[in-house]
Amino acid sequence: MANSKSIRVLRAESSLTELVGEAIGTLGNETLSSLSVVKVESARGLSDATVYILDDGFSQSEKQKIISGLKKSSSYISRYCTALDAVSKMPKLTFCFDDSLQKEKRLEEILGGKK
């Protein structure tokens, strides 16, 4: 579906991926500051966006605390991004963990490609 997105939207997603990562790094919370933003994907133009965070082997309770902390900080993150004029209108952010790397590792184990 990425092919159907306009260049403007793809550029905005790319900028947001970088800026949201920077903003999270300035939060002053050691756990949150160490997170890596994998990508930002927009929906409905640029009115909503999902921020994918690298799942670095966190437990379920840690994930819940991290997502809660990010939700509480979303207005700060939005102000950070708009202050740098990266986007004219900041989308509503939703945070989730990207588990694609772990799924890939698990698939390699199942297929016997374990190295």
Protein backbone atom coordinates (compact mmCIF):
# COMPACT_ATOMS: atom_id res chain seq x y z
CA MET A 1 0.00 0.00 0.00
CA ALA A 2 2.99 2.31 0.43
CA ASN A 3 3.06 2.77 -3.35
CA SER A 4 -0.34 4.45 -3.25
CA LYS A 5 0.91 7.15 -0.86
CA SER A 6 1.90 10.50 -2.26
CA ILE A 7 5.47 11.67 -2.13
CA ARG A 8 4.37 14.40 0.29
CA VAL A 9 3.00 11.79 2.72
CA LEU A 10 6.08 9.58 2.39
CA ARG A 11 8.34 12.55 3.11
CA ALA A 12 6.24 13.52 6.12
CA GLU A 13 6.42 9.95 7.46
CA SER A 14 10.18 9.92 7.01
CA SER A 15 10.57 13.26 8.78
CA LEU A 16 8.27 12.18 11.58
CA THR A 17 10.18 8.94 12.09
CA GLU A 18 13.34 10.93 12.72
CA LEU A 19 11.74 13.73 14.74
CA VAL A 20 9.57 11.54 16.96
CA GLY A 21 12.70 9.53 17.79
CA GLU A 22 14.53 12.75 18.68
CA ALA A 23 11.61 13.97 20.78
CA ILE A 24 11.41 10.70 22.70
CA GLY A 25 15.14 10.95 23.33
CA THR A 26 14.67 14.32 25.06
CA LEU A 27 11.93 13.19 27.46
CA GLY A 28 14.28 12.74 30.41
CA ASN A 29 13.00 9.24 31.15
CA GLU A 30 15.83 6.72 30.85
CA THR A 31 13.61 3.89 29.63
CA LEU A 32 11.75 6.00 27.08
CA SER A 33 14.89 7.81 25.92
CA SER A 34 16.51 4.49 24.99
CA LEU A 35 13.68 3.48 22.63
CA SER A 36 14.21 3.26 18.89
CA VAL A 37 11.52 4.43 16.49
CA VAL A 38 11.35 1.98 13.59
CA LYS A 39 8.89 3.90 11.44
CA VAL A 40 5.90 6.18 11.43
CA GLU A 41 2.97 5.23 9.22
CA SER A 42 0.20 7.68 8.52
CA ALA A 43 -3.45 6.97 7.91
CA ARG A 44 -6.27 9.09 6.55
CA GLY A 45 -3.88 11.48 4.87
CA LEU A 46 -1.84 12.77 7.73
CA SER A 47 -4.52 13.07 10.40
CA ASP A 48 -3.48 9.90 12.26
CA ALA A 49 -0.11 8.20 12.53
CA THR A 50 1.16 5.04 14.16
CA VAL A 51 4.63 5.17 15.69
CA TYR A 52 6.32 1.77 15.66
CA ILE A 53 8.83 1.22 18.47
CA LEU A 54 11.50 -1.50 18.28
CA ASP A 55 10.52 -4.36 20.58
CA ASP A 56 13.78 -4.92 22.37
CA GLY A 57 12.62 -7.95 24.34
CA PHE A 58 10.47 -6.05 26.83
CA SER A 59 8.08 -7.94 29.07
CA GLN A 60 4.37 -7.35 28.65
CA SER A 61 4.23 -5.18 31.79
CA GLU A 62 7.21 -3.12 30.58
CA LYS A 63 5.50 -2.63 27.22
CA GLN A 64 2.35 -1.38 28.94
CA LYS A 65 4.34 1.10 31.03
CA ILE A 66 6.26 2.31 27.97
CA ILE A 67 3.11 2.79 25.87
CA SER A 68 1.46 4.59 28.78
CA GLY A 69 4.47 6.90 29.16
CA LEU A 70 4.50 7.64 25.45
CA LYS A 71 0.77 8.43 25.46
CA LYS A 72 1.28 10.84 28.36
CA SER A 73 4.13 12.49 26.44
CA SER A 74 2.38 12.66 23.07
CA SER A 75 1.49 16.36 23.36
CA TYR A 76 5.15 17.17 24.11
CA ILE A 77 6.26 15.02 21.16
CA SER A 78 3.77 16.80 18.89
CA ARG A 79 4.94 20.26 20.02
CA TYR A 80 8.57 19.20 19.49
CA CYS A 81 7.87 18.14 15.91
CA THR A 82 5.77 21.15 14.95
CA ALA A 83 8.24 23.59 16.53
CA LEU A 84 10.82 22.40 14.02
CA ASP A 85 8.36 22.96 11.14
CA ALA A 86 8.74 19.37 9.97
CA VAL A 87 5.03 19.09 9.35
CA SER A 88 2.41 21.78 9.02
CA LYS A 89 -0.22 19.78 10.93
CA MET A 90 0.80 17.14 13.41
CA PRO A 91 -1.16 13.87 13.16
CA LYS A 92 -2.67 12.22 16.22
CA LEU A 93 -0.04 9.72 17.36
CA THR A 94 -0.66 6.13 18.37
CA PHE A 95 2.24 4.08 19.74
CA CYS A 96 2.83 0.36 19.37
CA PHE A 97 5.69 -2.09 19.32
CA ASP A 98 7.05 -3.45 16.05
CA ASP A 99 7.53 -7.16 16.53
CA SER A 100 8.44 -7.94 12.92
CA LEU A 101 12.10 -8.57 13.82
CA GLN A 102 11.13 -11.12 16.46
CA LYS A 103 8.69 -12.79 14.06
CA GLU A 104 11.49 -13.02 11.51
CA LYS A 105 13.85 -14.61 14.07
CA ARG A 106 11.14 -17.07 15.11
CA LEU A 107 10.48 -18.00 11.48
CA GLU A 108 14.20 -18.63 10.93
CA GLU A 109 14.25 -20.89 13.99
CA ILE A 110 11.23 -22.83 12.72
CA LEU A 111 12.73 -23.24 9.26
CA GLY A 112 16.05 -24.37 10.70
CA GLY A 113 17.95 -21.28 9.64
CA LYS A 114 19.20 -20.69 13.18
CA LYS A 115 22.79 -19.50 13.06
